[in-house]
Amino acid sequence: MLADPAAGWLLLNEFDFHHRLPTLPGVTLVLFGQPGCAACRAWRQWLQDDRHPLLQRRAYVDVQQSMALAHQFDIFHLPTLLLFVDGRYHGQLHSPMQKQAFHQALNALLASPPAEEP
């Protein structure tokens, strides 16, 4: 499996996503991916090694298992990173796998108000 609790990832699916996410305090970055996606695996590893001081948790959604959730968030390309603060959607994070660029993109989303989910 691409992500697991033992590796520090919260696993979410379309049945518990909207129930669990609002109960999580702080900053949660959700990676939408699938097991056969090499870029998804690369992002997972990179995120596991990156330690942004404001990021409390990383969550993973397998789009093969949760296609309805992927459709809800208009996810067409993998991997996709979505940012939530105190369970509220802040937007899609676009960044290369470079520490400075990633932290700048994350900080910009954190500075913005919550957004309406797609």
Protein backbone atom coordinates (compact mmCIF):
# COMPACT_ATOMS: atom_id res chain seq x y z
CA MET A 1 0.00 0.00 0.00
CA LEU A 2 1.28 3.49 -0.80
CA ALA A 3 0.52 5.01 2.58
CA ASP A 4 -0.03 3.57 5.99
CA PRO A 5 -0.33 4.63 9.61
CA ALA A 6 2.99 2.99 10.48
CA ALA A 7 4.71 5.44 8.13
CA GLY A 8 2.90 8.39 9.73
CA TRP A 9 0.15 8.74 7.14
CA LEU A 10 -3.53 9.03 7.95
CA LEU A 11 -5.52 6.90 5.51
CA LEU A 12 -8.80 8.43 4.36
CA ASN A 13 -11.48 7.22 1.97
CA GLU A 14 -14.74 8.53 0.55
CA PHE A 15 -16.71 7.08 3.46
CA ASP A 16 -14.78 8.73 6.31
CA PHE A 17 -13.13 11.75 4.66
CA HIS A 18 -15.88 14.28 5.51
CA HIS A 19 -16.39 12.85 8.99
CA ARG A 20 -12.77 12.64 10.13
CA LEU A 21 -11.15 15.64 8.47
CA PRO A 22 -13.26 18.31 10.25
CA THR A 23 -12.27 16.81 13.62
CA LEU A 24 -8.54 17.23 12.95
CA PRO A 25 -6.98 20.34 14.45
CA GLY A 26 -4.17 22.11 12.66
CA VAL A 27 -2.77 21.68 9.18
CA THR A 28 -3.39 18.53 7.15
CA LEU A 29 -1.96 17.92 3.69
CA VAL A 30 -3.92 15.30 1.74
CA LEU A 31 -2.20 13.42 -1.07
CA PHE A 32 -4.58 11.93 -3.63
CA GLY A 33 -2.80 9.13 -5.49
CA GLN A 34 -2.86 5.48 -6.38
CA PRO A 35 -0.50 2.57 -5.69
CA GLY A 36 0.69 2.20 -9.30
CA CYS A 37 1.64 5.88 -9.66
CA ALA A 38 5.41 6.42 -9.54
CA ALA A 39 5.02 10.18 -9.04
CA CYS A 40 2.65 9.50 -6.12
CA ARG A 41 5.24 7.25 -4.48
CA ALA A 42 7.93 9.87 -5.04
CA TRP A 43 5.80 12.60 -3.47
CA ARG A 44 4.95 10.35 -0.53
CA GLN A 45 8.61 9.71 0.16
CA TRP A 46 9.56 13.34 -0.31
CA LEU A 47 6.77 14.54 1.99
CA GLN A 48 7.74 11.98 4.59
CA ASP A 49 11.26 13.42 4.67
CA ASP A 50 10.23 17.10 4.51
CA ARG A 51 9.46 18.68 7.85
CA HIS A 52 7.54 21.93 7.47
CA PRO A 53 7.09 23.31 11.00
CA LEU A 54 3.37 24.08 10.56
CA LEU A 55 2.33 20.79 8.95
CA GLN A 56 0.74 18.56 11.60
CA ARG A 57 -0.19 15.57 9.48
CA ARG A 58 -0.12 13.96 6.08
CA ALA A 59 -3.12 12.03 4.81
CA TYR A 60 -3.53 9.78 1.80
CA VAL A 61 -6.53 8.95 -0.37
CA ASP A 62 -6.28 6.08 -2.85
CA VAL A 63 -8.34 7.30 -5.82
CA GLN A 64 -8.82 3.73 -7.06
CA GLN A 65 -10.72 3.04 -3.84
CA SER A 66 -12.36 6.49 -3.56
CA MET A 67 -13.24 7.60 -7.08
CA ALA A 68 -16.30 9.57 -5.92
CA LEU A 69 -14.12 11.65 -3.62
CA ALA A 70 -11.64 12.30 -6.42
CA HIS A 71 -14.51 13.44 -8.65
CA GLN A 72 -15.86 15.67 -5.91
CA PHE A 73 -12.54 17.53 -5.75
CA ASP A 74 -12.15 17.60 -9.55
CA ILE A 75 -8.96 15.55 -9.42
CA PHE A 76 -7.82 14.59 -12.90
CA HIS A 77 -4.04 14.40 -12.45
CA LEU A 78 -2.07 12.42 -9.93
CA PRO A 79 -0.67 13.12 -7.53
CA THR A 80 -2.80 15.98 -6.23
CA LEU A 81 -2.16 17.75 -2.94
CA LEU A 82 -4.98 19.48 -1.05
CA LEU A 83 -4.49 21.59 2.06
CA PHE A 84 -6.90 21.68 5.00
CA VAL A 85 -6.63 23.81 8.14
CA ASP A 86 -8.76 22.78 11.11
CA GLY A 87 -10.75 20.63 8.68
CA ARG A 88 -11.47 23.52 6.30
CA TYR A 89 -10.34 23.40 2.68
CA HIS A 90 -7.70 25.97 1.72
CA GLY A 91 -6.92 24.86 -1.80
CA GLN A 92 -4.80 22.73 -4.05
CA LEU A 93 -1.07 22.98 -3.51
CA HIS A 94 0.99 23.33 -6.69
CA SER A 95 4.72 22.97 -6.27
CA PRO A 96 7.76 21.14 -7.57
CA MET A 97 9.46 18.71 -5.20
CA GLN A 98 11.89 21.35 -4.00
CA LYS A 99 11.94 22.39 -0.36
CA GLN A 100 11.96 26.17 -0.85
CA ALA A 101 9.25 26.16 -3.54
CA PHE A 102 7.10 23.72 -1.58
CA HIS A 103 7.36 25.74 1.63
CA GLN A 104 6.54 28.97 -0.24
CA ALA A 105 3.45 27.38 -1.82
CA LEU A 106 2.37 25.91 1.50
CA ASN A 107 2.88 29.22 3.34
CA ALA A 108 0.89 31.08 0.66
CA LEU A 109 -2.05 28.68 1.05
CA LEU A 110 -1.85 28.91 4.83
CA ALA A 111 -1.99 32.70 4.62
CA SER A 112 -5.13 32.59 2.48
CA PRO A 113 -8.61 32.27 3.94
CA PRO A 114 -10.47 28.96 3.62
CA ALA A 115 -11.84 28.37 0.13
CA GLU A 116 -14.99 26.76 -1.13
CA GLU A 117 -14.47 23.11 -1.99
CA PRO A 118 -14.78 22.36 -5.71
